[in-house]
Amino acid sequence: MSKTLATVAMLLGVIAILLGAYVVFVQGDNAGIVAIVVGVIALVLPRVAGKNRGNNAR
């Protein structure tokens, strides 16, 4: 995974987590938990992909 793509994925992950937190706390809907989980996966995925390739997504 290229560094730019990894950065975009991480930014989307952060946005998904923030949206999920907003939905859970402001609207009291459990659907926000799904958004938080998706955000965490989007944050972790670039790191895992980089490690698997052996050069740390550089």
PDB file of N, CA and C in Angstrom:
ATOM      1  N   MET A   1       0.847  -1.190   0.000  1.00  0.00           N
ATOM      2  CA  MET A   1       0.000   0.000   0.000  1.00  0.00           C
ATOM      3  C   MET A   1       0.887   1.246   0.000  1.00  0.00           C
ATOM      4  N   SER A   2       0.595   2.162  -0.891  1.00  0.00           N
ATOM      5  CA  SER A   2       1.418   3.369  -0.963  1.00  0.00           C
ATOM      6  C   SER A   2       1.191   4.250   0.262  1.00  0.00           C
ATOM      7  N   LYS A   3       2.147   5.115   0.506  1.00  0.00           N
ATOM      8  CA  LYS A   3       2.071   5.967   1.698  1.00  0.00           C
ATOM      9  C   LYS A   3       0.870   6.912   1.628  1.00  0.00           C
ATOM     10  N   THR A   4       0.589   7.441   0.441  1.00  0.00           N
ATOM     11  CA  THR A   4      -0.544   8.357   0.285  1.00  0.00           C
ATOM     12  C   THR A   4      -1.854   7.640   0.571  1.00  0.00           C
ATOM     13  N   LEU A   5      -1.985   6.434   0.018  1.00  0.00           N
ATOM     14  CA  LEU A   5      -3.197   5.643   0.222  1.00  0.00           C
ATOM     15  C   LEU A   5      -3.378   5.306   1.697  1.00  0.00           C
ATOM     16  N   ALA A   6      -2.282   4.983   2.366  1.00  0.00           N
ATOM     17  CA  ALA A   6      -2.336   4.670   3.796  1.00  0.00           C
ATOM     18  C   ALA A   6      -2.799   5.892   4.590  1.00  0.00           C
ATOM     19  N   THR A   7      -2.290   7.062   4.214  1.00  0.00           N
ATOM     20  CA  THR A   7      -2.674   8.300   4.905  1.00  0.00           C
ATOM     21  C   THR A   7      -4.157   8.586   4.705  1.00  0.00           C
ATOM     22  N   VAL A   8      -4.646   8.415   3.478  1.00  0.00           N
ATOM     23  CA  VAL A   8      -6.064   8.638   3.187  1.00  0.00           C
ATOM     24  C   VAL A   8      -6.927   7.669   3.989  1.00  0.00           C
ATOM     25  N   ALA A   9      -6.511   6.395   4.038  1.00  0.00           N
ATOM     26  CA  ALA A   9      -7.271   5.389   4.788  1.00  0.00           C
ATOM     27  C   ALA A   9      -7.323   5.744   6.269  1.00  0.00           C
ATOM     28  N   MET A  10      -6.206   6.240   6.804  1.00  0.00           N
ATOM     29  CA  MET A  10      -6.166   6.602   8.218  1.00  0.00           C
ATOM     30  C   MET A  10      -7.055   7.819   8.497  1.00  0.00           C
ATOM     31  N   LEU A  11      -7.042   8.795   7.585  1.00  0.00           N
ATOM     32  CA  LEU A  11      -7.910   9.965   7.754  1.00  0.00           C
ATOM     33  C   LEU A  11      -9.384   9.561   7.722  1.00  0.00           C
ATOM     34  N   LEU A  12      -9.727   8.667   6.785  1.00  0.00           N
ATOM     35  CA  LEU A  12     -11.105   8.183   6.708  1.00  0.00           C
ATOM     36  C   LEU A  12     -11.477   7.426   7.978  1.00  0.00           C
ATOM     37  N   GLY A  13     -10.508   6.689   8.517  1.00  0.00           N
ATOM     38  CA  GLY A  13     -10.736   5.962   9.767  1.00  0.00           C
ATOM     39  C   GLY A  13     -11.056   6.905  10.907  1.00  0.00           C
ATOM     40  N   VAL A  14     -10.286   7.979  11.006  1.00  0.00           N
ATOM     41  CA  VAL A  14     -10.512   8.971  12.067  1.00  0.00           C
ATOM     42  C   VAL A  14     -11.892   9.612  11.905  1.00  0.00           C
ATOM     43  N   ILE A  15     -12.248   9.952  10.665  1.00  0.00           N
ATOM     44  CA  ILE A  15     -13.556  10.558  10.398  1.00  0.00           C
ATOM     45  C   ILE A  15     -14.680   9.599  10.783  1.00  0.00           C
ATOM     46  N   ALA A  16     -14.519   8.307  10.434  1.00  0.00           N
ATOM     47  CA  ALA A  16     -15.545   7.312  10.765  1.00  0.00           C
ATOM     48  C   ALA A  16     -15.704   7.166  12.271  1.00  0.00           C
ATOM     49  N   ILE A  17     -14.579   7.180  13.009  1.00  0.00           N
ATOM     50  CA  ILE A  17     -14.639   7.069  14.470  1.00  0.00           C
ATOM     51  C   ILE A  17     -15.365   8.284  15.067  1.00  0.00           C
ATOM     52  N   LEU A  18     -15.034   9.479  14.565  1.00  0.00           N
ATOM     53  CA  LEU A  18     -15.673  10.695  15.082  1.00  0.00           C
ATOM     54  C   LEU A  18     -17.175  10.706  14.783  1.00  0.00           C
ATOM     55  N   LEU A  19     -17.541  10.300  13.562  1.00  0.00           N
ATOM     56  CA  LEU A  19     -18.959  10.233  13.205  1.00  0.00           C
ATOM     57  C   LEU A  19     -19.683   9.215  14.073  1.00  0.00           C
ATOM     58  N   GLY A  20     -19.039   8.064  14.288  1.00  0.00           N
ATOM     59  CA  GLY A  20     -19.632   7.023  15.125  1.00  0.00           C
ATOM     60  C   GLY A  20     -19.849   7.510  16.538  1.00  0.00           C
ATOM     61  N   ALA A  21     -18.847   8.201  17.086  1.00  0.00           N
ATOM     62  CA  ALA A  21     -18.955   8.728  18.449  1.00  0.00           C
ATOM     63  C   ALA A  21     -20.091   9.749  18.528  1.00  0.00           C
ATOM     64  N   TYR A  22     -20.215  10.586  17.505  1.00  0.00           N
ATOM     65  CA  TYR A  22     -21.293  11.579  17.461  1.00  0.00           C
ATOM     66  C   TYR A  22     -22.663  10.900  17.488  1.00  0.00           C
ATOM     67  N   VAL A  23     -22.813   9.867  16.647  1.00  0.00           N
ATOM     68  CA  VAL A  23     -24.101   9.171  16.562  1.00  0.00           C
ATOM     69  C   VAL A  23     -24.443   8.494  17.888  1.00  0.00           C
ATOM     70  N   VAL A  24     -23.443   7.842  18.511  1.00  0.00           N
ATOM     71  CA  VAL A  24     -23.692   7.136  19.774  1.00  0.00           C
ATOM     72  C   VAL A  24     -24.061   8.111  20.885  1.00  0.00           C
ATOM     73  N   PHE A  25     -23.271   9.176  21.047  1.00  0.00           N
ATOM     74  CA  PHE A  25     -23.457  10.051  22.206  1.00  0.00           C
ATOM     75  C   PHE A  25     -24.553  11.092  22.004  1.00  0.00           C
ATOM     76  N   VAL A  26     -24.663  11.657  20.806  1.00  0.00           N
ATOM     77  CA  VAL A  26     -25.635  12.727  20.587  1.00  0.00           C
ATOM     78  C   VAL A  26     -27.017  12.154  20.284  1.00  0.00           C
ATOM     79  N   GLN A  27     -27.072  11.119  19.429  1.00  0.00           N
ATOM     80  CA  GLN A  27     -28.367  10.582  19.018  1.00  0.00           C
ATOM     81  C   GLN A  27     -28.741   9.309  19.772  1.00  0.00           C
ATOM     82  N   GLY A  28     -27.794   8.750  20.533  1.00  0.00           N
ATOM     83  CA  GLY A  28     -28.084   7.571  21.327  1.00  0.00           C
ATOM     84  C   GLY A  28     -28.389   6.331  20.508  1.00  0.00           C
ATOM     85  N   ASP A  29     -27.815   6.245  19.310  1.00  0.00           N
ATOM     86  CA  ASP A  29     -28.090   5.125  18.412  1.00  0.00           C
ATOM     87  C   ASP A  29     -26.890   4.183  18.378  1.00  0.00           C
ATOM     88  N   ASN A  30     -27.158   2.885  18.489  1.00  0.00           N
ATOM     89  CA  ASN A  30     -26.071   1.906  18.487  1.00  0.00           C
ATOM     90  C   ASN A  30     -25.423   1.724  17.116  1.00  0.00           C
ATOM     91  N   ALA A  31     -26.021   2.271  16.064  1.00  0.00           N
ATOM     92  CA  ALA A  31     -25.435   2.179  14.730  1.00  0.00           C
ATOM     93  C   ALA A  31     -24.067   2.859  14.693  1.00  0.00           C
ATOM     94  N   GLY A  32     -23.850   3.818  15.581  1.00  0.00           N
ATOM     95  CA  GLY A  32     -22.564   4.506  15.643  1.00  0.00           C
ATOM     96  C   GLY A  32     -21.429   3.580  16.013  1.00  0.00           C
ATOM     97  N   ILE A  33     -21.735   2.513  16.759  1.00  0.00           N
ATOM     98  CA  ILE A  33     -20.696   1.550  17.147  1.00  0.00           C
ATOM     99  C   ILE A  33     -20.102   0.900  15.899  1.00  0.00           C
ATOM    100  N   VAL A  34     -20.953   0.613  14.915  1.00  0.00           N
ATOM    101  CA  VAL A  34     -20.480   0.024  13.656  1.00  0.00           C
ATOM    102  C   VAL A  34     -19.497   0.973  12.978  1.00  0.00           C
ATOM    103  N   ALA A  35     -19.819   2.264  12.958  1.00  0.00           N
ATOM    104  CA  ALA A  35     -18.939   3.261  12.348  1.00  0.00           C
ATOM    105  C   ALA A  35     -17.600   3.320  13.077  1.00  0.00           C
ATOM    106  N   ILE A  36     -17.627   3.198  14.408  1.00  0.00           N
ATOM    107  CA  ILE A  36     -16.387   3.217  15.187  1.00  0.00           C
ATOM    108  C   ILE A  36     -15.531   2.005  14.837  1.00  0.00           C
ATOM    109  N   VAL A  37     -16.154   0.823  14.746  1.00  0.00           N
ATOM    110  CA  VAL A  37     -15.421  -0.404  14.399  1.00  0.00           C
ATOM    111  C   VAL A  37     -14.803  -0.276  13.008  1.00  0.00           C
ATOM    112  N   VAL A  38     -15.580   0.228  12.051  1.00  0.00           N
ATOM    113  CA  VAL A  38     -15.065   0.433  10.690  1.00  0.00           C
ATOM    114  C   VAL A  38     -13.888   1.406  10.710  1.00  0.00           C
ATOM    115  N   GLY A  39     -13.996   2.460  11.507  1.00  0.00           N
ATOM    116  CA  GLY A  39     -12.911   3.436  11.625  1.00  0.00           C
ATOM    117  C   GLY A  39     -11.650   2.826  12.182  1.00  0.00           C
ATOM    118  N   VAL A  40     -11.787   1.985  13.213  1.00  0.00           N
ATOM    119  CA  VAL A  40     -10.618   1.324  13.806  1.00  0.00           C
ATOM    120  C   VAL A  40      -9.963   0.400  12.784  1.00  0.00           C
ATOM    121  N   ILE A  41     -10.778  -0.340  12.028  1.00  0.00           N
ATOM    122  CA  ILE A  41     -10.234  -1.227  10.988  1.00  0.00           C
ATOM    123  C   ILE A  41      -9.480  -0.405   9.946  1.00  0.00           C
ATOM    124  N   ALA A  42     -10.047   0.733   9.537  1.00  0.00           N
ATOM    125  CA  ALA A  42      -9.392   1.589   8.545  1.00  0.00           C
ATOM    126  C   ALA A  42      -8.074   2.157   9.071  1.00  0.00           C
ATOM    127  N   LEU A  43      -7.988   2.369  10.389  1.00  0.00           N
ATOM    128  CA  LEU A  43      -6.740   2.861  10.978  1.00  0.00           C
ATOM    129  C   LEU A  43      -5.679   1.769  11.034  1.00  0.00           C
ATOM    130  N   VAL A  44      -6.104   0.546  11.358  1.00  0.00           N
ATOM    131  CA  VAL A  44      -5.157  -0.552  11.577  1.00  0.00           C
ATOM    132  C   VAL A  44      -4.686  -1.161  10.258  1.00  0.00           C
ATOM    133  N   LEU A  45      -5.573  -1.205   9.262  1.00  0.00           N
ATOM    134  CA  LEU A  45      -5.279  -1.897   8.003  1.00  0.00           C
ATOM    135  C   LEU A  45      -4.000  -1.431   7.305  1.00  0.00           C
ATOM    136  N   PRO A  46      -3.765  -0.117   7.142  1.00  0.00           N
ATOM    137  CA  PRO A  46      -2.527   0.310   6.458  1.00  0.00           C
ATOM    138  C   PRO A  46      -1.267  -0.161   7.185  1.00  0.00           C
ATOM    139  N   ARG A  47      -1.286  -0.161   8.513  1.00  0.00           N
ATOM    140  CA  ARG A  47      -0.124  -0.599   9.282  1.00  0.00           C
ATOM    141  C   ARG A  47       0.126  -2.077   9.075  1.00  0.00           C
ATOM    142  N   VAL A  48      -0.948  -2.871   9.107  1.00  0.00           N
ATOM    143  CA  VAL A  48      -0.822  -4.316   8.924  1.00  0.00           C
ATOM    144  C   VAL A  48      -0.316  -4.615   7.515  1.00  0.00           C
ATOM    145  N   ALA A  49      -0.888  -3.937   6.511  1.00  0.00           N
ATOM    146  CA  ALA A  49      -0.479  -4.151   5.121  1.00  0.00           C
ATOM    147  C   ALA A  49       0.990  -3.785   4.943  1.00  0.00           C
ATOM    148  N   GLY A  50       1.419  -2.697   5.576  1.00  0.00           N
ATOM    149  CA  GLY A  50       2.812  -2.270   5.480  1.00  0.00           C
ATOM    150  C   GLY A  50       3.758  -3.264   6.115  1.00  0.00           C
ATOM    151  N   LYS A  51       3.376  -3.795   7.266  1.00  0.00           N
ATOM    152  CA  LYS A  51       4.231  -4.758   7.962  1.00  0.00           C
ATOM    153  C   LYS A  51       4.338  -6.056   7.176  1.00  0.00           C
ATOM    154  N   ASN A  52       3.219  -6.481   6.578  1.00  0.00           N
ATOM    155  CA  ASN A  52       3.230  -7.727   5.820  1.00  0.00           C
ATOM    156  C   ASN A  52       4.163  -7.641   4.622  1.00  0.00           C
ATOM    157  N   ARG A  53       4.270  -6.445   4.048  1.00  0.00           N
ATOM    158  CA  ARG A  53       5.132  -6.272   2.885  1.00  0.00           C
ATOM    159  C   ARG A  53       6.593  -6.147   3.296  1.00  0.00           C
ATOM    160  N   GLY A  54       6.817  -5.815   4.560  1.00  0.00           N
ATOM    161  CA  GLY A  54       8.179  -5.824   5.070  1.00  0.00           C
ATOM    162  C   GLY A  54       8.886  -4.486   5.041  1.00  0.00           C
ATOM    163  N   ASN A  55       8.322  -3.471   4.398  1.00  0.00           N
ATOM    164  CA  ASN A  55       9.021  -2.180   4.347  1.00  0.00           C
ATOM    165  C   ASN A  55       8.206  -1.062   4.992  1.00  0.00           C
ATOM    166  N   ASN A  56       7.259  -1.451   5.837  1.00  0.00           N
ATOM    167  CA  ASN A  56       6.513  -0.496   6.664  1.00  0.00           C
ATOM    168  C   ASN A  56       5.786   0.593   5.871  1.00  0.00           C
ATOM    169  N   ALA A  57       5.187   0.226   4.755  1.00  0.00           N
ATOM    170  CA  ALA A  57       4.337   1.117   3.945  1.00  0.00           C
ATOM    171  C   ALA A  57       5.047   2.401   3.525  1.00  0.00           C
ATOM    172  N   ARG A  58       6.304   2.298   3.180  1.00  0.00           N
ATOM    173  CA  ARG A  58       7.038   3.484   2.729  1.00  0.00           C
ATOM    174  C   ARG A  58       7.151   3.486   1.225  1.00  0.00           C
TER     175      ARG A  58
END
